[in-house]
Amino acid sequence: MGLRALSAGDAARIRRRRRRPCVILAASSRRFQKDGPWGYYTVDETARRYGACPDVETQDGEVAYANVPPAQESRYRDGVLPD
C-alpha cells in the first residue's frame, strides 16, 4: 500500500496510471473553513456512469445533489449487503 499527497489536477494522472482497482482517500485541511467555499463537486466520467457526480462542476451542494432523491428510512432487508 502506498500513500501519496496529490494536488489539484492529479485525478487525470490517477486514471491514466491505475490499471487495477484502488481506493482513493481524500481529505482537506480546515484552514479556510470559516470563510469558504471549501471545495468542489467535480464531474468525472467514471463517476457519471454510476450516477455519482453532478451534471456540472460546482461548489454548491444543492446544485450537486439536485438529481438525488431525498433519503428515506427503511428496515434492513436480508441480502441487501454482500457477504
Protein backbone atom coordinates (compact mmCIF):
# COMPACT_ATOMS: atom_id res chain seq x y z
CA MET A 1 0.00 0.00 0.00
CA GLY A 2 1.34 3.42 -0.83
CA LEU A 3 0.27 6.86 0.35
CA ARG A 4 0.90 9.97 -1.68
CA ALA A 5 -0.12 13.59 -1.42
CA LEU A 6 -1.93 14.80 -4.53
CA SER A 7 -2.66 18.26 -5.75
CA ALA A 8 -5.37 19.73 -7.97
CA GLY A 9 -5.40 18.11 -11.39
CA ASP A 10 -3.96 14.78 -10.25
CA ALA A 11 -7.22 12.90 -10.87
CA ALA A 12 -6.38 12.58 -14.58
CA ARG A 13 -2.97 11.16 -13.70
CA ILE A 14 -4.56 8.56 -11.41
CA ARG A 15 -6.98 7.45 -14.14
CA ARG A 16 -4.16 7.02 -16.64
CA ARG A 17 -1.76 5.13 -14.37
CA ARG A 18 -4.02 2.77 -12.44
CA ARG A 19 -4.86 -0.45 -14.23
CA ARG A 20 -6.38 -2.26 -11.27
CA PRO A 21 -8.92 -1.38 -8.57
CA CYS A 22 -7.75 1.09 -5.97
CA VAL A 23 -9.09 3.21 -3.13
CA ILE A 24 -8.51 6.94 -3.03
CA LEU A 25 -8.94 8.67 0.30
CA ALA A 26 -9.45 12.42 0.06
CA ALA A 27 -9.01 14.80 2.95
CA SER A 28 -8.71 18.52 3.30
CA SER A 29 -7.45 20.96 5.87
CA ARG A 30 -9.73 23.27 7.80
CA ARG A 31 -7.51 26.26 7.14
CA PHE A 32 -10.10 28.20 5.13
CA GLN A 33 -13.23 26.62 6.58
CA LYS A 34 -14.60 29.74 8.28
CA ASP A 35 -14.58 31.72 5.02
CA GLY A 36 -15.49 29.05 2.45
CA PRO A 37 -16.15 27.94 -0.18
CA TRP A 38 -14.44 24.69 0.78
CA GLY A 39 -14.10 22.58 -2.32
CA TYR A 40 -15.76 21.39 -5.47
CA TYR A 41 -18.21 18.75 -6.53
CA THR A 42 -16.38 17.64 -9.66
CA VAL A 43 -17.55 15.98 -12.84
CA ASP A 44 -15.89 12.67 -13.65
CA GLU A 45 -16.85 10.34 -16.50
CA THR A 46 -16.33 7.15 -14.49
CA ALA A 47 -18.40 8.52 -11.60
CA ARG A 48 -21.05 9.67 -14.08
CA ARG A 49 -21.52 6.07 -15.30
CA TYR A 50 -22.54 5.17 -11.75
CA GLY A 51 -24.64 8.29 -11.15
CA ALA A 52 -22.09 9.52 -8.62
CA CYS A 53 -21.25 13.03 -9.82
CA PRO A 54 -23.08 16.27 -10.52
CA ASP A 55 -24.03 17.38 -14.03
CA VAL A 56 -21.71 20.39 -13.77
CA GLU A 57 -18.70 21.21 -11.58
CA THR A 58 -19.92 23.32 -8.69
CA GLN A 59 -19.26 24.45 -5.15
CA ASP A 60 -22.98 24.48 -4.37
CA GLY A 61 -24.21 21.33 -2.64
CA GLU A 62 -27.80 21.98 -3.70
CA VAL A 63 -26.74 22.04 -7.35
CA ALA A 64 -24.54 18.95 -6.91
CA TYR A 65 -27.32 16.91 -5.32
CA ALA A 66 -30.20 18.27 -7.42
CA ASN A 67 -30.78 14.89 -9.14
CA VAL A 68 -30.51 12.82 -5.96
CA PRO A 69 -33.81 11.82 -4.34
CA PRO A 70 -34.17 12.57 -0.62
CA ALA A 71 -33.08 9.83 1.77
CA GLN A 72 -35.78 7.57 3.14
CA GLU A 73 -35.57 5.43 6.24
CA SER A 74 -36.15 1.73 5.79
CA ARG A 75 -35.62 -1.50 7.66
CA TYR A 76 -32.66 -3.72 6.83
CA ARG A 77 -33.60 -6.43 4.37
CA ASP A 78 -31.65 -9.67 4.44
CA GLY A 79 -29.40 -9.99 1.39
CA VAL A 80 -29.04 -6.22 0.76
CA LEU A 81 -25.37 -6.21 1.79
CA PRO A 82 -22.82 -8.54 0.19
CA ASP A 83 -21.40 -11.43 2.22
